[in-house]
N, C-alpha and C. Protein backbone atom coordinates (compact mmCIF):
# COMPACT_ATOMS: atom_id res chain seq x y z
N UNK A 1 -0.99 12.42 -16.71
CA UNK A 1 -0.96 11.86 -15.37
C UNK A 1 -1.60 12.85 -14.41
N UNK A 2 -2.47 12.36 -13.58
CA UNK A 2 -3.10 13.19 -12.57
C UNK A 2 -2.58 12.77 -11.21
N UNK A 3 -1.80 13.65 -10.55
CA UNK A 3 -1.26 13.29 -9.24
C UNK A 3 -2.36 12.87 -8.26
N UNK A 4 -3.54 13.45 -8.41
CA UNK A 4 -4.64 13.11 -7.51
C UNK A 4 -5.00 11.64 -7.63
N UNK A 5 -4.95 11.10 -8.85
CA UNK A 5 -5.24 9.68 -9.04
C UNK A 5 -4.21 8.82 -8.33
N UNK A 6 -2.94 9.16 -8.49
CA UNK A 6 -1.89 8.41 -7.81
C UNK A 6 -2.07 8.53 -6.31
N UNK A 7 -2.38 9.73 -5.83
CA UNK A 7 -2.57 9.94 -4.39
C UNK A 7 -3.68 9.05 -3.85
N UNK A 8 -4.77 8.88 -4.60
CA UNK A 8 -5.87 8.06 -4.10
C UNK A 8 -5.44 6.59 -3.98
N UNK A 9 -4.59 6.13 -4.88
CA UNK A 9 -4.09 4.75 -4.77
C UNK A 9 -3.07 4.63 -3.64
N UNK A 10 -2.30 5.69 -3.40
CA UNK A 10 -1.37 5.68 -2.26
C UNK A 10 -2.16 5.61 -0.95
N UNK A 11 -3.28 6.33 -0.90
CA UNK A 11 -4.13 6.31 0.28
C UNK A 11 -4.64 4.90 0.55
N UNK A 12 -5.14 4.23 -0.49
CA UNK A 12 -5.63 2.85 -0.33
C UNK A 12 -4.51 1.92 0.13
N UNK A 13 -3.35 2.08 -0.44
CA UNK A 13 -2.19 1.27 -0.07
C UNK A 13 -1.89 1.43 1.42
N UNK A 14 -1.81 2.66 1.88
CA UNK A 14 -1.50 2.92 3.29
C UNK A 14 -2.58 2.38 4.22
N UNK A 15 -3.84 2.58 3.87
CA UNK A 15 -4.94 2.09 4.70
C UNK A 15 -4.80 0.59 4.93
N UNK A 16 -4.55 -0.16 3.86
CA UNK A 16 -4.47 -1.61 4.00
C UNK A 16 -3.20 -2.06 4.71
N UNK A 17 -2.11 -1.34 4.55
CA UNK A 17 -0.90 -1.68 5.29
C UNK A 17 -1.08 -1.39 6.78
N UNK A 18 -1.80 -0.34 7.11
CA UNK A 18 -2.10 -0.03 8.52
C UNK A 18 -2.97 -1.14 9.11
N UNK A 19 -4.03 -1.51 8.40
CA UNK A 19 -4.93 -2.56 8.87
C UNK A 19 -4.16 -3.86 9.09
N UNK A 20 -3.28 -4.19 8.15
CA UNK A 20 -2.48 -5.40 8.26
C UNK A 20 -1.60 -5.36 9.51
N UNK A 21 -0.95 -4.24 9.73
CA UNK A 21 -0.02 -4.16 10.87
C UNK A 21 -0.76 -4.27 12.20
N UNK A 22 -1.89 -3.60 12.32
CA UNK A 22 -2.62 -3.61 13.59
C UNK A 22 -3.30 -4.96 13.82
N UNK A 23 -3.94 -5.49 12.80
CA UNK A 23 -4.68 -6.74 12.97
C UNK A 23 -3.81 -7.98 12.80
N UNK A 24 -2.59 -7.81 12.29
CA UNK A 24 -1.65 -8.92 12.12
C UNK A 24 -2.24 -10.05 11.28
N UNK A 25 -2.96 -9.66 10.24
CA UNK A 25 -3.54 -10.65 9.33
C UNK A 25 -3.71 -10.01 7.97
N UNK A 26 -4.04 -10.84 7.00
CA UNK A 26 -4.35 -10.39 5.65
C UNK A 26 -5.66 -11.02 5.22
N UNK A 27 -6.41 -10.29 4.41
CA UNK A 27 -7.59 -10.88 3.78
C UNK A 27 -7.37 -10.83 2.27
N UNK A 28 -8.10 -11.63 1.56
CA UNK A 28 -7.99 -11.64 0.10
C UNK A 28 -8.34 -10.26 -0.45
N UNK A 29 -9.31 -9.61 0.14
CA UNK A 29 -9.70 -8.27 -0.28
C UNK A 29 -8.56 -7.27 -0.09
N UNK A 30 -7.87 -7.33 1.04
CA UNK A 30 -6.75 -6.42 1.29
C UNK A 30 -5.62 -6.67 0.31
N UNK A 31 -5.32 -7.94 0.08
CA UNK A 31 -4.25 -8.29 -0.87
C UNK A 31 -4.59 -7.76 -2.26
N UNK A 32 -5.84 -7.96 -2.67
CA UNK A 32 -6.27 -7.48 -3.99
C UNK A 32 -6.16 -5.96 -4.07
N UNK A 33 -6.54 -5.27 -3.01
CA UNK A 33 -6.48 -3.81 -3.01
C UNK A 33 -5.04 -3.30 -3.06
N UNK A 34 -4.15 -3.91 -2.27
CA UNK A 34 -2.74 -3.52 -2.28
C UNK A 34 -2.15 -3.76 -3.67
N UNK A 35 -2.38 -4.95 -4.20
CA UNK A 35 -1.83 -5.32 -5.50
C UNK A 35 -2.36 -4.41 -6.61
N UNK A 36 -3.67 -4.15 -6.59
CA UNK A 36 -4.26 -3.30 -7.62
C UNK A 36 -3.76 -1.86 -7.49
N UNK A 37 -3.60 -1.38 -6.27
CA UNK A 37 -3.09 -0.01 -6.07
C UNK A 37 -1.71 0.14 -6.70
N UNK A 38 -0.85 -0.83 -6.47
CA UNK A 38 0.51 -0.77 -7.03
C UNK A 38 0.46 -0.84 -8.56
N UNK A 39 -0.39 -1.71 -9.08
CA UNK A 39 -0.51 -1.86 -10.54
C UNK A 39 -1.04 -0.57 -11.18
N UNK A 40 -2.05 0.02 -10.56
CA UNK A 40 -2.62 1.27 -11.10
C UNK A 40 -1.62 2.42 -11.01
N UNK A 41 -0.87 2.47 -9.92
CA UNK A 41 0.16 3.51 -9.78
C UNK A 41 1.19 3.36 -10.90
N UNK A 42 1.59 2.13 -11.18
CA UNK A 42 2.54 1.88 -12.28
C UNK A 42 1.99 2.45 -13.58
N UNK A 43 0.74 2.15 -13.87
CA UNK A 43 0.13 2.60 -15.13
C UNK A 43 0.03 4.13 -15.20
N UNK A 44 -0.38 4.74 -14.10
CA UNK A 44 -0.52 6.19 -14.08
C UNK A 44 0.82 6.92 -14.10
N UNK A 45 1.82 6.29 -13.53
CA UNK A 45 3.12 6.94 -13.40
C UNK A 45 3.97 6.85 -14.67
N UNK A 46 3.68 5.89 -15.51
CA UNK A 46 4.46 5.69 -16.73
C UNK A 46 4.07 6.73 -17.78
N UNK A 47 5.05 7.48 -18.26
CA UNK A 47 4.77 8.49 -19.27
C UNK A 47 4.41 7.84 -20.60
N UNK A 48 3.83 8.63 -21.49
CA UNK A 48 3.36 8.11 -22.77
C UNK A 48 4.44 7.40 -23.58
N UNK A 49 5.68 7.81 -23.40
CA UNK A 49 6.76 7.16 -24.15
C UNK A 49 7.12 5.78 -23.58
N UNK A 50 6.50 5.42 -22.46
CA UNK A 50 6.68 4.11 -21.80
C UNK A 50 8.11 3.88 -21.31
N UNK A 51 8.89 4.94 -21.24
CA UNK A 51 10.28 4.80 -20.78
C UNK A 51 10.58 5.64 -19.54
N UNK A 52 9.86 6.73 -19.37
CA UNK A 52 10.11 7.64 -18.25
C UNK A 52 8.91 7.66 -17.30
N UNK A 53 9.17 8.11 -16.09
CA UNK A 53 8.14 8.15 -15.06
C UNK A 53 7.88 9.58 -14.62
N UNK A 54 6.63 9.87 -14.30
CA UNK A 54 6.29 11.20 -13.78
C UNK A 54 6.87 11.37 -12.37
N UNK A 55 6.63 10.36 -11.52
CA UNK A 55 7.12 10.41 -10.14
C UNK A 55 8.40 9.59 -10.08
N UNK A 56 9.47 10.25 -9.69
CA UNK A 56 10.76 9.56 -9.56
C UNK A 56 10.79 8.79 -8.24
N UNK A 57 11.64 7.79 -8.17
CA UNK A 57 11.69 6.90 -7.00
C UNK A 57 11.92 7.64 -5.69
N UNK A 58 12.64 8.74 -5.74
CA UNK A 58 12.94 9.45 -4.49
C UNK A 58 11.82 10.39 -4.04
N UNK A 59 10.72 10.44 -4.77
CA UNK A 59 9.62 11.34 -4.43
C UNK A 59 8.49 10.66 -3.65
N UNK A 60 8.52 9.34 -3.54
CA UNK A 60 7.42 8.63 -2.90
C UNK A 60 7.26 8.97 -1.42
N UNK A 61 8.38 9.13 -0.73
CA UNK A 61 8.30 9.38 0.71
C UNK A 61 7.43 10.60 1.01
N UNK A 62 7.65 11.68 0.31
CA UNK A 62 6.86 12.90 0.52
C UNK A 62 5.39 12.67 0.16
N UNK A 63 5.14 11.99 -0.94
CA UNK A 63 3.76 11.73 -1.35
C UNK A 63 3.04 10.85 -0.34
N UNK A 64 3.73 9.84 0.19
CA UNK A 64 3.13 8.98 1.21
C UNK A 64 2.85 9.79 2.48
N UNK A 65 3.78 10.63 2.83
CA UNK A 65 3.63 11.48 4.02
C UNK A 65 2.38 12.34 3.91
N UNK A 66 2.11 12.85 2.71
CA UNK A 66 0.93 13.69 2.49
C UNK A 66 -0.38 12.92 2.71
N UNK A 67 -0.35 11.62 2.53
CA UNK A 67 -1.56 10.80 2.68
C UNK A 67 -1.69 10.16 4.06
N UNK A 68 -0.67 10.27 4.88
CA UNK A 68 -0.62 9.53 6.14
C UNK A 68 -1.81 9.81 7.06
N UNK A 69 -2.09 11.08 7.35
CA UNK A 69 -3.18 11.42 8.28
C UNK A 69 -4.53 10.92 7.76
N UNK A 70 -4.77 11.10 6.47
CA UNK A 70 -6.03 10.63 5.89
C UNK A 70 -6.13 9.11 5.98
N UNK A 71 -5.01 8.43 5.79
CA UNK A 71 -5.00 6.97 5.89
C UNK A 71 -5.31 6.52 7.31
N UNK A 72 -4.74 7.20 8.29
CA UNK A 72 -5.01 6.88 9.70
C UNK A 72 -6.50 7.10 10.00
N UNK A 73 -7.05 8.21 9.54
CA UNK A 73 -8.46 8.51 9.79
C UNK A 73 -9.37 7.42 9.21
N UNK A 74 -9.13 7.05 7.97
CA UNK A 74 -9.96 6.03 7.33
C UNK A 74 -9.74 4.67 7.97
N UNK A 75 -8.49 4.32 8.21
CA UNK A 75 -8.18 3.02 8.82
C UNK A 75 -8.80 2.90 10.20
N UNK A 76 -8.89 3.99 10.95
CA UNK A 76 -9.47 3.91 12.29
C UNK A 76 -10.94 3.48 12.25
N UNK A 77 -11.62 3.80 11.18
CA UNK A 77 -13.02 3.38 11.02
C UNK A 77 -13.12 1.91 10.63
N UNK A 78 -12.03 1.36 10.08
CA UNK A 78 -12.05 -0.01 9.56
C UNK A 78 -11.33 -1.03 10.44
N UNK A 79 -10.24 -0.63 11.08
CA UNK A 79 -9.46 -1.57 11.90
C UNK A 79 -10.32 -2.07 13.05
N UNK A 80 -10.37 -3.39 13.21
CA UNK A 80 -11.13 -4.01 14.29
C UNK A 80 -12.55 -3.42 14.38
N UNK A 81 -13.16 -3.22 13.23
CA UNK A 81 -14.52 -2.68 13.13
C UNK A 81 -14.69 -1.34 13.82
N UNK A 82 -13.68 -0.49 13.71
CA UNK A 82 -13.77 0.87 14.25
C UNK A 82 -13.50 0.97 15.74
N UNK A 83 -12.78 0.01 16.30
CA UNK A 83 -12.54 -0.02 17.75
C UNK A 83 -11.61 1.08 18.25
N UNK A 84 -10.83 1.69 17.36
CA UNK A 84 -9.84 2.68 17.78
C UNK A 84 -10.09 4.04 17.13
N UNK A 85 -9.82 5.09 17.89
CA UNK A 85 -9.88 6.44 17.32
C UNK A 85 -8.60 6.65 16.51
N UNK A 86 -8.59 7.67 15.65
CA UNK A 86 -7.35 7.97 14.92
C UNK A 86 -6.17 8.23 15.87
N UNK A 87 -6.46 8.85 17.01
CA UNK A 87 -5.39 9.14 17.98
C UNK A 87 -4.80 7.85 18.55
N UNK A 88 -5.68 6.90 18.89
CA UNK A 88 -5.20 5.61 19.41
C UNK A 88 -4.41 4.88 18.35
N UNK A 89 -4.93 4.90 17.13
CA UNK A 89 -4.27 4.19 16.04
C UNK A 89 -2.87 4.75 15.77
N UNK A 90 -2.75 6.06 15.81
CA UNK A 90 -1.43 6.69 15.62
C UNK A 90 -0.41 6.19 16.63
N UNK A 91 -0.85 5.95 17.85
CA UNK A 91 0.06 5.46 18.89
C UNK A 91 0.38 3.98 18.72
N UNK A 92 -0.49 3.25 18.07
CA UNK A 92 -0.32 1.80 17.93
C UNK A 92 0.59 1.40 16.77
N UNK A 93 0.57 2.17 15.70
CA UNK A 93 1.26 1.74 14.49
C UNK A 93 2.73 2.14 14.47
N UNK A 94 3.49 1.35 13.76
CA UNK A 94 4.89 1.67 13.50
C UNK A 94 4.92 2.34 12.12
N UNK A 95 4.80 3.66 12.13
CA UNK A 95 4.72 4.43 10.89
C UNK A 95 5.93 4.17 9.99
N UNK A 96 7.11 4.14 10.59
CA UNK A 96 8.33 3.94 9.81
C UNK A 96 8.26 2.64 9.03
N UNK A 97 7.82 1.57 9.68
CA UNK A 97 7.74 0.26 9.03
C UNK A 97 6.72 0.28 7.89
N UNK A 98 5.58 0.90 8.12
CA UNK A 98 4.54 0.98 7.08
C UNK A 98 5.05 1.77 5.89
N UNK A 99 5.70 2.88 6.14
CA UNK A 99 6.24 3.71 5.05
C UNK A 99 7.32 2.95 4.27
N UNK A 100 8.17 2.23 4.97
CA UNK A 100 9.21 1.45 4.28
C UNK A 100 8.59 0.35 3.42
N UNK A 101 7.57 -0.31 3.95
CA UNK A 101 6.88 -1.36 3.18
C UNK A 101 6.23 -0.75 1.94
N UNK A 102 5.56 0.37 2.10
CA UNK A 102 4.91 1.04 0.96
C UNK A 102 5.94 1.42 -0.10
N UNK A 103 7.06 1.99 0.33
CA UNK A 103 8.09 2.39 -0.62
C UNK A 103 8.69 1.17 -1.33
N UNK A 104 8.88 0.10 -0.60
CA UNK A 104 9.43 -1.12 -1.20
C UNK A 104 8.49 -1.63 -2.31
N UNK A 105 7.19 -1.60 -2.04
CA UNK A 105 6.22 -2.02 -3.05
C UNK A 105 6.21 -1.05 -4.24
N UNK A 106 6.31 0.24 -3.96
CA UNK A 106 6.32 1.23 -5.04
C UNK A 106 7.56 1.11 -5.92
N UNK A 107 8.69 0.78 -5.32
CA UNK A 107 9.92 0.63 -6.10
C UNK A 107 9.80 -0.51 -7.11
N UNK A 108 8.95 -1.49 -6.82
CA UNK A 108 8.74 -2.60 -7.76
C UNK A 108 8.18 -2.10 -9.09
N UNK A 109 7.49 -0.96 -9.06
CA UNK A 109 6.88 -0.43 -10.29
C UNK A 109 7.93 0.01 -11.30
N UNK A 110 9.14 0.25 -10.85
CA UNK A 110 10.22 0.66 -11.77
C UNK A 110 10.95 -0.55 -12.35
N UNK A 111 10.74 -1.71 -11.75
CA UNK A 111 11.50 -2.90 -12.13
C UNK A 111 10.69 -3.94 -12.91
N UNK A 112 9.36 -3.86 -12.83
CA UNK A 112 8.54 -4.91 -13.41
C UNK A 112 7.42 -4.34 -14.28
N UNK A 113 7.00 -5.11 -15.26
CA UNK A 113 5.93 -4.69 -16.16
C UNK A 113 4.58 -4.74 -15.44
N UNK A 114 3.60 -4.03 -16.00
CA UNK A 114 2.25 -4.06 -15.45
C UNK A 114 1.74 -5.50 -15.42
N UNK A 115 2.08 -6.26 -16.45
CA UNK A 115 1.63 -7.65 -16.55
C UNK A 115 2.20 -8.51 -15.42
N UNK A 116 3.48 -8.35 -15.11
CA UNK A 116 4.13 -9.20 -14.10
C UNK A 116 3.99 -8.67 -12.68
N UNK A 117 3.60 -7.44 -12.54
CA UNK A 117 3.57 -6.79 -11.23
C UNK A 117 2.68 -7.49 -10.19
N UNK A 118 1.45 -7.90 -10.53
CA UNK A 118 0.61 -8.52 -9.49
C UNK A 118 1.26 -9.73 -8.81
N UNK A 119 1.88 -10.60 -9.58
CA UNK A 119 2.52 -11.78 -8.99
C UNK A 119 3.70 -11.38 -8.11
N UNK A 120 4.48 -10.42 -8.56
CA UNK A 120 5.65 -9.95 -7.80
C UNK A 120 5.19 -9.28 -6.50
N UNK A 121 4.15 -8.48 -6.59
CA UNK A 121 3.62 -7.79 -5.41
C UNK A 121 3.09 -8.81 -4.40
N UNK A 122 2.37 -9.81 -4.88
CA UNK A 122 1.85 -10.84 -3.97
C UNK A 122 2.99 -11.56 -3.24
N UNK A 123 4.09 -11.81 -3.93
CA UNK A 123 5.25 -12.42 -3.27
C UNK A 123 5.73 -11.57 -2.11
N UNK A 124 5.70 -10.26 -2.27
CA UNK A 124 6.11 -9.34 -1.19
C UNK A 124 5.06 -9.28 -0.08
N UNK A 125 3.80 -9.28 -0.46
CA UNK A 125 2.72 -9.18 0.52
C UNK A 125 2.72 -10.38 1.46
N UNK A 126 3.06 -11.54 0.93
CA UNK A 126 3.10 -12.75 1.76
C UNK A 126 4.09 -12.61 2.91
N UNK A 127 5.06 -11.71 2.76
CA UNK A 127 6.04 -11.47 3.83
C UNK A 127 5.44 -10.67 5.00
N UNK A 128 4.31 -10.04 4.79
CA UNK A 128 3.67 -9.23 5.83
C UNK A 128 3.07 -10.11 6.91
N UNK A 129 2.76 -9.53 8.09
CA UNK A 129 2.12 -10.31 9.15
C UNK A 129 0.84 -10.99 8.64
N UNK A 130 0.74 -12.27 8.88
CA UNK A 130 -0.42 -13.03 8.44
C UNK A 130 -0.36 -13.48 7.00
N UNK A 131 0.72 -13.15 6.31
CA UNK A 131 0.84 -13.46 4.89
C UNK A 131 0.88 -14.94 4.58
N UNK A 132 1.66 -15.67 5.33
CA UNK A 132 1.76 -17.12 5.10
C UNK A 132 0.42 -17.80 5.38
N UNK A 133 -0.25 -17.38 6.46
CA UNK A 133 -1.56 -17.95 6.78
C UNK A 133 -2.56 -17.64 5.66
N UNK A 134 -2.52 -16.41 5.14
CA UNK A 134 -3.41 -16.06 4.04
C UNK A 134 -3.11 -16.92 2.82
N UNK A 135 -1.83 -17.07 2.49
CA UNK A 135 -1.43 -17.83 1.31
C UNK A 135 -1.91 -19.27 1.38
N UNK A 136 -1.84 -19.86 2.57
CA UNK A 136 -2.24 -21.26 2.72
C UNK A 136 -3.73 -21.42 2.98
N UNK A 137 -4.46 -20.30 3.00
CA UNK A 137 -5.90 -20.36 3.18
C UNK A 137 -6.35 -20.43 4.62
N UNK A 138 -5.42 -20.29 5.56
CA UNK A 138 -5.78 -20.29 6.99
C UNK A 138 -6.03 -18.86 7.42
N UNK A 139 -7.09 -18.70 8.19
CA UNK A 139 -7.36 -17.33 8.66
C UNK A 139 -7.46 -17.37 10.12
């Protein structure tokens, strides 16, 4: 397991959760990225014996915290086509809510198989702002 690989998927997860919160919508691309990030984290985190995990459930908060500033920087270039600086974005987002959502999605990796994870994750993503509209094809 390479922590750097997990960190890169955590970064993608945070970027898309930030974009979702600020823009109050979801796109198919964002949903796919969130879902794939969680699935890849599950695969990378599962030890070779397929029973134990490298990263324990209580360690995600610190790992997410380490990626937060980089996620804000990248998201600022993408949210509303780069309309906000990282400083503005930091003031706009509810960091606590984003971190809780990310942790909730990460906890699913301990409860579900790689095979079943995408469907379970999508069920959770639909709860996000704009999720129902995305699910029904309305944008």
